[in-house]
Amino acid sequence: MKKVIIILSSIIVLIFIILMIFLFNVNDESIDNLEEKPEYEDINTTEKEKNEFSSYSYYKEENLERYRNYKANNSSLDNSDIVTRVNLNLDKEIYTDTVQATNLNTNYVLVNKFNYLGSDYIPNNLELLDNSYAKSGIYLVKEAKDMLEKLIAAAKEDGLNIRVTSAYRSYSYQVNLYNNYVKTDGEKLADTYSARPGYSEHQTGLVVDVTRSFDNFNNFENTEEYKWMLEHASDYGFILRYPKDKEEITTYTFEAWHYRYVGVDLAKKIKESNLTFDEYYVRYLENA
């Protein structure tokens, strides 16, 4: 019996020694890992920051650093707005890092101060507007023209008179128009209300400037026609392109008279979303 006790004691001591050796090795590895911890913390922090934005379908991994920087300077905005604005290049100066517009000859082509049309671009299917509701010599893409006629007829049934003062503008027309504004107000101010050549939505043939019949378009906001357009324009595929209090997004001053054709379904979705066309494009159209 004494022998058995001695043997068991020896086994226990041996197990204890093995266990101590194992624990020493583990602690040694832990010390090594502790020395490398800052590197792992950096990786985890990066992943955490990345995931702040990457839950959005319109997140772009290449913009991660820009999202961070923009958020640091705009902490009051939520992450969805951070991603949206950076994707629109609103963290940059206007007319810098510009790209040629895509989706040409579609209702959802995006043209703004970062997306331009070539000087030779002329949209397909331009048709002359009737002088009964437009100045002479004004053209619009056929689909937009057809829906505009229905819109004006519906407004007329409600006792209102909407007249088109401008629609399609060629590149060369915009050159002269913009240069005249610069001569009058200087480039900085002109850029708040007029597009540089190639950057005007009017060149898409999908835009109309409207007013109450033979009234000054600057007074349109104060008319019943404007109220009617706010309520009914989307029923005919048009949206108010540069809304009030959205100047930081559109980079243009509010224009009560400027309406963009996008098609009925899309116009209703944009109206319901309370987003500008720029925002909606980045979130739902760009990657569709």
Protein backbone atom coordinates (compact mmCIF):
# COMPACT_ATOMS: atom_id res chain seq x y z
CA MET A 1 0.00 0.00 0.00
CA LYS A 2 2.89 2.32 0.81
CA LYS A 3 4.33 1.65 -2.64
CA VAL A 4 1.07 2.63 -4.32
CA ILE A 5 0.98 5.91 -2.40
CA ILE A 6 4.55 6.72 -3.43
CA ILE A 7 3.79 6.00 -7.10
CA LEU A 8 0.63 8.16 -7.02
CA SER A 9 2.54 10.97 -5.33
CA SER A 10 5.20 10.83 -8.05
CA ILE A 11 2.57 10.97 -10.78
CA ILE A 12 0.93 13.96 -9.14
CA VAL A 13 4.28 15.78 -8.86
CA LEU A 14 5.03 14.99 -12.51
CA ILE A 15 1.64 16.31 -13.60
CA PHE A 16 2.21 19.46 -11.54
CA ILE A 17 5.62 20.04 -13.19
CA ILE A 18 4.15 19.55 -16.69
CA LEU A 19 1.32 21.92 -15.86
CA MET A 20 3.72 24.60 -14.63
CA ILE A 21 5.82 24.30 -17.79
CA PHE A 22 2.66 24.67 -19.92
CA LEU A 23 1.48 27.71 -17.98
CA PHE A 24 4.91 29.33 -18.25
CA ASN A 25 4.84 28.94 -22.05
CA VAL A 26 1.34 30.36 -22.28
CA ASN A 27 2.32 33.39 -20.20
CA ASP A 28 5.39 33.86 -22.33
CA GLU A 29 3.26 33.88 -25.49
CA SER A 30 0.82 36.25 -23.82
CA ILE A 31 3.66 38.68 -23.14
CA ASP A 32 4.67 38.47 -26.80
CA ASN A 33 1.07 39.13 -27.84
CA LEU A 34 0.86 42.02 -25.40
CA GLU A 35 3.82 43.66 -27.10
CA GLU A 36 1.95 43.41 -30.43
CA LYS A 37 -1.40 44.58 -29.02
CA PRO A 38 -1.29 48.15 -30.36
CA GLU A 39 -1.21 46.77 -33.90
CA TYR A 40 -4.30 44.63 -33.28
CA GLU A 41 -6.05 47.52 -31.58
CA ASP A 42 -5.47 49.65 -34.67
CA ILE A 43 -6.99 46.98 -36.88
CA ASN A 44 -10.02 46.62 -34.63
CA THR A 45 -10.48 50.38 -34.42
CA THR A 46 -10.32 50.67 -38.21
CA GLU A 47 -12.90 47.93 -38.61
CA LYS A 48 -15.16 49.64 -36.09
CA GLU A 49 -14.94 52.95 -37.89
CA LYS A 50 -15.44 51.29 -41.25
CA ASN A 51 -18.56 49.53 -40.02
CA GLU A 52 -20.05 52.84 -38.96
CA PHE A 53 -20.53 53.58 -42.64
CA SER A 54 -20.41 50.22 -44.40
CA SER A 55 -23.92 49.21 -43.38
CA TYR A 56 -25.27 51.51 -46.10
CA SER A 57 -25.69 50.02 -49.56
CA TYR A 58 -24.15 53.12 -51.13
CA TYR A 59 -20.99 52.91 -49.00
CA LYS A 60 -17.75 53.03 -51.01
CA GLU A 61 -14.70 51.53 -49.38
CA GLU A 62 -12.33 53.84 -51.24
CA ASN A 63 -14.03 56.82 -49.56
CA LEU A 64 -13.53 55.60 -45.99
CA GLU A 65 -10.87 58.15 -45.05
CA ARG A 66 -12.99 60.94 -46.57
CA TYR A 67 -16.02 59.80 -44.57
CA ARG A 68 -13.96 60.03 -41.38
CA ASN A 69 -12.62 63.48 -42.21
CA TYR A 70 -16.02 64.82 -43.23
CA LYS A 71 -17.62 63.47 -40.08
CA ALA A 72 -14.94 65.12 -37.94
CA ASN A 73 -15.96 68.47 -39.43
CA ASN A 74 -19.70 67.77 -39.54
CA SER A 75 -20.44 65.90 -36.32
CA SER A 76 -24.12 66.94 -36.32
CA LEU A 77 -24.83 64.87 -39.46
CA ASP A 78 -25.80 61.23 -39.20
CA ASN A 79 -23.70 58.59 -40.95
CA SER A 80 -26.11 58.16 -43.85
CA ASP A 81 -25.76 61.85 -44.68
CA ILE A 82 -21.98 61.67 -44.30
CA VAL A 83 -21.75 58.84 -46.83
CA THR A 84 -24.22 60.52 -49.18
CA ARG A 85 -22.48 63.89 -49.18
CA VAL A 86 -19.00 62.50 -49.63
CA ASN A 87 -20.21 60.30 -52.49
CA LEU A 88 -21.54 63.49 -54.05
CA ASN A 89 -18.06 65.04 -53.61
CA LEU A 90 -19.45 67.72 -51.33
CA ASP A 91 -16.29 67.45 -49.26
CA LYS A 92 -14.47 69.01 -52.24
CA GLU A 93 -14.52 72.36 -53.96
CA ILE A 94 -17.14 72.64 -56.71
CA TYR A 95 -15.93 71.90 -60.23
CA THR A 96 -12.96 69.86 -58.99
CA ASP A 97 -12.37 66.16 -59.70
CA THR A 98 -15.23 66.25 -62.16
CA VAL A 99 -16.32 63.26 -64.25
CA GLN A 100 -18.37 62.89 -67.38
CA ALA A 101 -22.02 62.10 -66.70
CA THR A 102 -23.24 58.56 -67.32
CA ASN A 103 -26.71 57.22 -68.18
CA LEU A 104 -27.02 59.68 -71.04
CA ASN A 105 -30.41 59.89 -72.73
CA THR A 106 -32.16 58.43 -69.69
CA ASN A 107 -34.53 60.16 -67.28
CA TYR A 108 -32.11 59.70 -64.38
CA VAL A 109 -28.89 61.15 -65.82
CA LEU A 110 -27.17 63.17 -63.09
CA VAL A 111 -25.68 66.52 -64.06
CA ASN A 112 -24.31 68.82 -61.37
CA LYS A 113 -21.09 70.64 -60.50
CA PHE A 114 -19.15 67.37 -60.44
CA ASN A 115 -20.79 65.56 -63.36
CA TYR A 116 -20.65 67.19 -66.78
CA LEU A 117 -21.91 66.74 -70.32
CA GLY A 118 -19.60 67.02 -73.31
CA SER A 119 -19.72 70.15 -75.41
CA ASP A 120 -21.07 68.07 -78.31
CA TYR A 121 -23.83 66.36 -76.34
CA ILE A 122 -27.34 66.84 -77.69
CA PRO A 123 -30.12 64.68 -76.23
CA ASN A 124 -32.17 62.40 -78.43
CA ASN A 125 -35.77 63.12 -79.42
CA LEU A 126 -35.88 66.86 -78.86
CA GLU A 127 -39.20 68.40 -79.89
CA LEU A 128 -40.35 71.99 -80.21
CA LEU A 129 -42.73 73.23 -77.52
CA ASP A 130 -45.98 74.83 -78.62
CA ASN A 131 -46.09 78.62 -78.46
CA SER A 132 -49.37 78.43 -76.57
CA TYR A 133 -47.48 77.57 -73.38
CA ALA A 134 -43.84 78.41 -74.14
CA LYS A 135 -41.62 81.06 -75.61
CA SER A 136 -40.79 80.44 -79.25
CA GLY A 137 -37.87 78.20 -80.15
CA ILE A 138 -37.86 76.10 -76.96
CA TYR A 139 -37.21 72.35 -77.15
CA LEU A 140 -37.65 69.45 -74.74
CA VAL A 141 -37.13 65.68 -74.92
CA LYS A 142 -40.31 64.14 -76.32
CA GLU A 143 -41.34 62.12 -73.24
CA ALA A 144 -40.90 65.15 -70.99
CA LYS A 145 -42.71 67.35 -73.50
CA ASP A 146 -45.71 65.00 -73.66
CA MET A 147 -46.02 64.91 -69.86
CA LEU A 148 -45.50 68.68 -69.59
CA GLU A 149 -48.45 69.25 -71.92
CA LYS A 150 -50.63 67.11 -69.64
CA LEU A 151 -49.36 69.01 -66.59
CA ILE A 152 -50.14 72.42 -68.08
CA ALA A 153 -53.58 71.23 -69.23
CA ALA A 154 -54.38 69.93 -65.73
CA ALA A 155 -53.29 73.20 -64.15
CA LYS A 156 -55.46 75.08 -66.61
CA GLU A 157 -58.48 73.03 -65.54
CA ASP A 158 -57.80 74.32 -62.02
CA GLY A 159 -57.79 77.89 -63.31
CA LEU A 160 -54.01 78.29 -63.35
CA ASN A 161 -51.66 79.34 -66.13
CA ILE A 162 -48.17 77.85 -66.33
CA ARG A 163 -45.81 79.00 -69.04
CA VAL A 164 -42.33 77.72 -69.94
CA THR A 165 -39.60 80.33 -70.16
CA SER A 166 -36.63 77.99 -70.75
CA ALA A 167 -35.98 74.30 -71.43
CA TYR A 168 -33.19 72.71 -73.49
CA ARG A 169 -30.05 74.81 -73.72
CA SER A 170 -27.08 73.93 -75.88
CA TYR A 171 -23.52 74.03 -74.58
CA SER A 172 -22.78 77.18 -76.59
CA TYR A 173 -25.91 78.90 -75.24
CA GLN A 174 -24.75 78.19 -71.68
CA VAL A 175 -21.31 79.64 -72.47
CA ASN A 176 -22.85 83.00 -73.31
CA LEU A 177 -25.36 82.92 -70.47
CA TYR A 178 -22.84 82.03 -67.78
CA ASN A 179 -20.25 84.51 -69.01
CA ASN A 180 -22.82 87.30 -68.90
CA TYR A 181 -23.70 86.44 -65.30
CA VAL A 182 -20.00 86.44 -64.36
CA LYS A 183 -19.57 89.87 -65.93
CA THR A 184 -22.50 91.16 -63.91
CA ASP A 185 -22.00 89.46 -60.53
CA GLY A 186 -18.55 87.88 -60.57
CA GLU A 187 -17.74 84.17 -60.73
CA LYS A 188 -18.32 83.32 -57.06
CA LEU A 189 -21.86 84.68 -56.96
CA ALA A 190 -22.69 83.47 -60.48
CA ASP A 191 -21.76 79.92 -59.44
CA THR A 192 -24.52 79.94 -56.81
CA TYR A 193 -27.31 80.34 -59.36
CA SER A 194 -25.92 79.50 -62.80
CA ALA A 195 -24.12 76.44 -64.12
CA ARG A 196 -20.87 76.57 -65.99
CA PRO A 197 -21.01 75.29 -69.59
CA GLY A 198 -21.37 71.51 -69.65
CA TYR A 199 -22.67 71.40 -66.09
CA SER A 200 -26.18 72.68 -66.77
CA GLU A 201 -29.13 70.31 -66.41
CA HIS A 202 -30.82 72.25 -69.18
CA GLN A 203 -28.46 70.55 -71.65
CA THR A 204 -30.15 67.21 -70.85
CA GLY A 205 -33.39 68.43 -72.46
CA LEU A 206 -35.25 67.25 -69.33
CA VAL A 207 -35.59 70.59 -67.53
CA VAL A 208 -38.09 73.41 -67.69
CA ASP A 209 -38.12 76.81 -66.06
CA VAL A 210 -41.71 77.90 -65.56
CA THR A 211 -43.66 80.90 -64.40
CA ARG A 212 -47.22 82.13 -64.16
CA SER A 213 -48.31 83.25 -67.59
CA PHE A 214 -46.16 86.21 -68.66
CA ASP A 215 -45.09 86.92 -65.07
CA ASN A 216 -41.47 87.26 -63.92
CA PHE A 217 -40.10 83.83 -62.96
CA ASN A 218 -38.47 85.32 -59.83
CA ASN A 219 -41.99 85.87 -58.47
CA PHE A 220 -43.10 82.28 -59.07
CA GLU A 221 -42.71 81.26 -55.42
CA ASN A 222 -45.49 83.66 -54.46
CA THR A 223 -48.06 82.28 -56.89
CA GLU A 224 -50.84 79.71 -56.72
CA GLU A 225 -49.16 78.01 -59.65
CA TYR A 226 -46.12 77.29 -57.49
CA LYS A 227 -48.27 75.75 -54.76
CA TRP A 228 -49.99 73.63 -57.39
CA MET A 229 -46.64 72.47 -58.81
CA LEU A 230 -45.42 71.42 -55.37
CA GLU A 231 -48.48 69.23 -54.98
CA HIS A 232 -48.96 67.90 -58.51
CA ALA A 233 -45.69 68.09 -60.49
CA SER A 234 -44.67 64.56 -59.48
CA ASP A 235 -47.96 63.21 -60.92
CA TYR A 236 -46.52 64.11 -64.31
CA GLY A 237 -42.93 63.04 -63.65
CA PHE A 238 -41.41 66.38 -62.61
CA ILE A 239 -39.59 67.30 -59.39
CA LEU A 240 -38.51 70.61 -57.90
CA ARG A 241 -34.80 70.29 -58.58
CA TYR A 242 -33.31 72.90 -56.25
CA PRO A 243 -35.53 73.01 -53.13
CA LYS A 244 -35.39 75.50 -50.31
CA ASP A 245 -33.04 74.65 -47.43
CA LYS A 246 -31.15 72.13 -49.56
CA GLU A 247 -28.53 74.51 -50.90
CA GLU A 248 -25.69 72.60 -49.20
CA ILE A 249 -26.66 69.52 -51.19
CA THR A 250 -27.58 70.95 -54.58
CA THR A 251 -24.93 73.73 -54.39
CA TYR A 252 -27.52 76.06 -55.96
CA THR A 253 -29.78 78.67 -54.42
CA PHE A 254 -33.46 77.78 -54.15
CA GLU A 255 -35.23 77.96 -57.53
CA ALA A 256 -39.00 77.75 -57.31
CA TRP A 257 -39.27 77.71 -61.11
CA HIS A 258 -36.79 74.95 -62.04
CA TYR A 259 -38.30 71.48 -62.58
CA ARG A 260 -36.61 68.31 -63.74
CA TYR A 261 -38.34 65.44 -65.52
CA VAL A 262 -37.45 61.99 -64.14
CA GLY A 263 -40.60 59.98 -64.94
CA VAL A 264 -43.74 59.50 -62.86
CA ASP A 265 -42.65 56.54 -60.72
CA LEU A 266 -39.28 58.05 -59.85
CA ALA A 267 -40.71 61.53 -59.25
CA LYS A 268 -43.18 60.17 -56.70
CA LYS A 269 -40.48 58.18 -54.91
CA ILE A 270 -38.19 61.22 -54.71
CA LYS A 271 -41.02 63.41 -53.42
CA GLU A 272 -41.93 60.86 -50.74
CA SER A 273 -38.29 60.48 -49.69
CA ASN A 274 -37.88 64.23 -49.11
CA LEU A 275 -34.45 63.90 -50.72
CA THR A 276 -32.98 65.97 -53.51
CA PHE A 277 -32.38 64.25 -56.82
CA ASP A 278 -28.64 64.24 -56.03
CA GLU A 279 -29.17 62.40 -52.75
CA TYR A 280 -31.65 59.94 -54.22
CA TYR A 281 -29.34 59.21 -57.12
CA VAL A 282 -26.40 58.35 -54.87
CA ARG A 283 -28.48 56.19 -52.54
CA TYR A 284 -30.74 54.31 -54.93
CA LEU A 285 -29.82 54.84 -58.60
CA GLU A 286 -26.06 54.99 -58.97
CA ASN A 287 -25.46 51.30 -58.18
CA ALA A 288 -28.79 49.98 -59.41
